Protein backbone atom coordinates (compact mmCIF):
# COMPACT_ATOMS: atom_id res chain seq x y z
CA MET A 1 0.01 -0.05 -0.05
CA ILE A 2 1.08 3.51 -0.76
CA LEU A 3 0.06 6.56 1.29
CA ASN A 4 -1.99 8.82 -0.81
CA THR A 5 -0.14 12.13 -0.72
CA ARG A 6 -2.59 14.35 -2.74
CA SER A 7 -2.71 17.75 -1.25
CA THR A 8 -6.49 18.31 -1.93
CA CYS A 9 -8.10 15.01 -0.24
CA GLN A 10 -11.77 14.62 -1.07
CA GLN A 11 -13.83 13.02 1.58
CA ASN A 12 -14.38 9.78 -0.56
CA THR A 13 -10.73 9.34 -1.33
CA PRO A 14 -9.19 6.65 1.24
CA LEU A 15 -5.83 7.96 2.89
CA TRP A 16 -4.30 4.62 1.61
CA THR A 17 -4.54 3.26 -1.92
CA PRO A 18 -3.79 -0.39 -3.16
CA LEU A 19 -0.53 -0.84 -4.54
CA PRO A 20 -0.05 -0.75 -8.43
CA ILE A 21 -0.41 -4.46 -9.80
CA ASN A 22 3.65 -4.56 -10.71
CA LEU A 23 4.43 -3.56 -7.01
CA THR A 24 2.13 -6.29 -5.73
CA LYS A 25 3.82 -8.97 -7.96
CA ALA A 26 7.31 -7.47 -6.66
CA ARG A 27 6.20 -7.96 -3.22
CA SER A 28 5.06 -11.39 -3.82
CA ARG A 29 8.21 -12.37 -5.46
CA PHE A 30 10.04 -10.75 -2.51
CA THR A 31 8.00 -12.74 -0.10
CA LYS A 32 8.58 -16.02 -1.65
CA ALA A 33 12.16 -15.39 -2.23
CA TRP A 34 12.46 -14.40 1.39
CA SER A 35 10.61 -17.59 2.47
CA ARG A 36 13.19 -19.63 0.37
CA PHE A 37 15.97 -17.90 1.86
CA ILE A 38 14.66 -18.65 5.43
CA LYS A 39 14.19 -22.33 4.36
CA ALA A 40 17.72 -22.56 2.90
CA ARG A 41 19.19 -20.91 5.89
CA SER A 42 17.48 -23.51 8.13
CA ASN A 43 18.76 -26.27 5.81
CA LEU A 44 22.16 -24.87 5.96
CA THR A 45 22.06 -25.00 9.73
CA LYS A 46 20.77 -28.48 9.91
CA ALA A 47 23.35 -29.65 7.33
CA ARG A 48 26.07 -28.03 9.46
CA SER A 49 24.97 -29.60 12.60
CA ARG A 50 24.75 -33.12 10.67
CA PHE A 51 28.25 -32.49 9.33
CA ILE A 52 29.64 -31.45 12.91
CA LYS A 53 27.82 -34.52 14.26
CA ALA A 54 29.38 -36.94 11.41
CA ARG A 55 32.84 -35.46 12.11
CA SER A 56 32.68 -36.06 15.66
CA ASN A 57 31.53 -39.70 14.99
CA LEU A 58 34.44 -39.97 12.51
CA THR A 59 36.81 -38.67 15.00
CA LYS A 60 35.48 -41.32 17.68
CA THR A 61 35.56 -44.08 15.26
CA TRP A 62 39.07 -43.34 14.21
CA SER A 63 40.11 -43.14 17.80
CA ARG A 64 38.43 -46.53 18.55
CA PHE A 65 40.00 -48.00 15.44
CA THR A 66 43.51 -46.86 16.33
CA LYS A 67 43.13 -48.02 20.05
CA ALA A 68 42.12 -51.42 18.70
CA TRP A 69 44.78 -51.59 16.13
CA SER A 70 47.48 -50.87 18.80
CA ARG A 71 45.85 -53.62 20.90
CA PHE A 72 45.97 -55.95 17.93
CA ILE A 73 49.66 -55.14 17.44
CA LYS A 74 50.55 -55.62 21.08
CA ALA A 75 48.65 -58.76 21.29
CA ARG A 76 50.53 -60.08 17.96
CA SER A 77 53.65 -59.07 19.55
CA ASN A 78 52.82 -60.89 22.57
CA LEU A 79 51.85 -63.91 20.64
CA THR A 80 55.06 -63.91 18.80
CA LYS A 81 57.06 -63.62 22.04
CA THR A 82 54.93 -66.49 23.51
CA TRP A 83 55.40 -68.69 20.66
CA SER A 84 59.11 -68.07 20.74
CA ARG A 85 59.09 -68.93 24.50
CA PHE A 86 56.86 -72.16 23.86
CA THR A 87 59.21 -73.38 20.96
CA LYS A 88 62.20 -72.86 23.12
CA ALA A 89 60.74 -74.80 26.10
CA TRP A 90 59.60 -77.34 23.56
CA SER A 91 63.00 -77.74 22.50
CA ARG A 92 64.42 -78.01 25.94
CA PHE A 93 61.72 -80.71 26.73
CA THR A 94 62.48 -82.65 23.67
CA LYS A 95 66.26 -82.33 24.26
CA ALA A 96 65.67 -83.44 28.19
CA ARG A 97 63.50 -86.32 27.14
CA SER A 98 65.98 -87.38 24.86
CA ASN A 99 68.75 -87.32 27.64
CA LEU A 100 66.34 -89.03 29.82
CA THR A 101 65.95 -92.10 27.33
CA LYS A 102 69.79 -92.11 26.57
CA ALA A 103 70.33 -92.13 30.31
CA ARG A 104 67.85 -94.75 30.92
CA SER A 105 69.49 -97.08 28.14
CA ARG A 106 72.90 -96.35 29.69
CA PHE A 107 71.57 -97.48 33.11
CA ILE A 108 69.96 -100.65 31.70
CA LYS A 109 73.22 -101.40 29.93
CA ALA A 110 75.32 -100.59 33.06
CA ARG A 111 73.02 -102.86 35.17
CA SER A 112 73.30 -105.75 32.49
CA ASN A 113 77.12 -105.37 32.55
CA LEU A 114 77.09 -105.42 36.43
CA THR A 115 74.98 -108.58 36.32
CA LYS A 116 77.28 -110.28 33.80
CA ALA A 117 80.20 -109.23 35.97
CA ARG A 118 78.72 -110.77 39.09
CA SER A 119 78.10 -114.35 37.46
């Protein structure tokens, strides 16, 4: 609406007159554009908050992954050390068993020789 600024106002002339048609269209276009701007701004804010949340989740996930990876590396290292210890212990055990078998056979042979020497 535009203020009627005529100096001589007749009694029937309203103080406010309707806008010309091209101004009405322009106002309508502006209102629609403003509405689209507000909606776009709202969508941008939502997208920003989703991005921040996703980035936070990614950071947490990466942190969890690196912790899990380091635990895996440590466990693998411990497994390697344990396997090494096991193989060394197994080697000592088989060597001791072999020595025991040899000692037993020497004992049996010596006892046999002693029996022969007595008779």
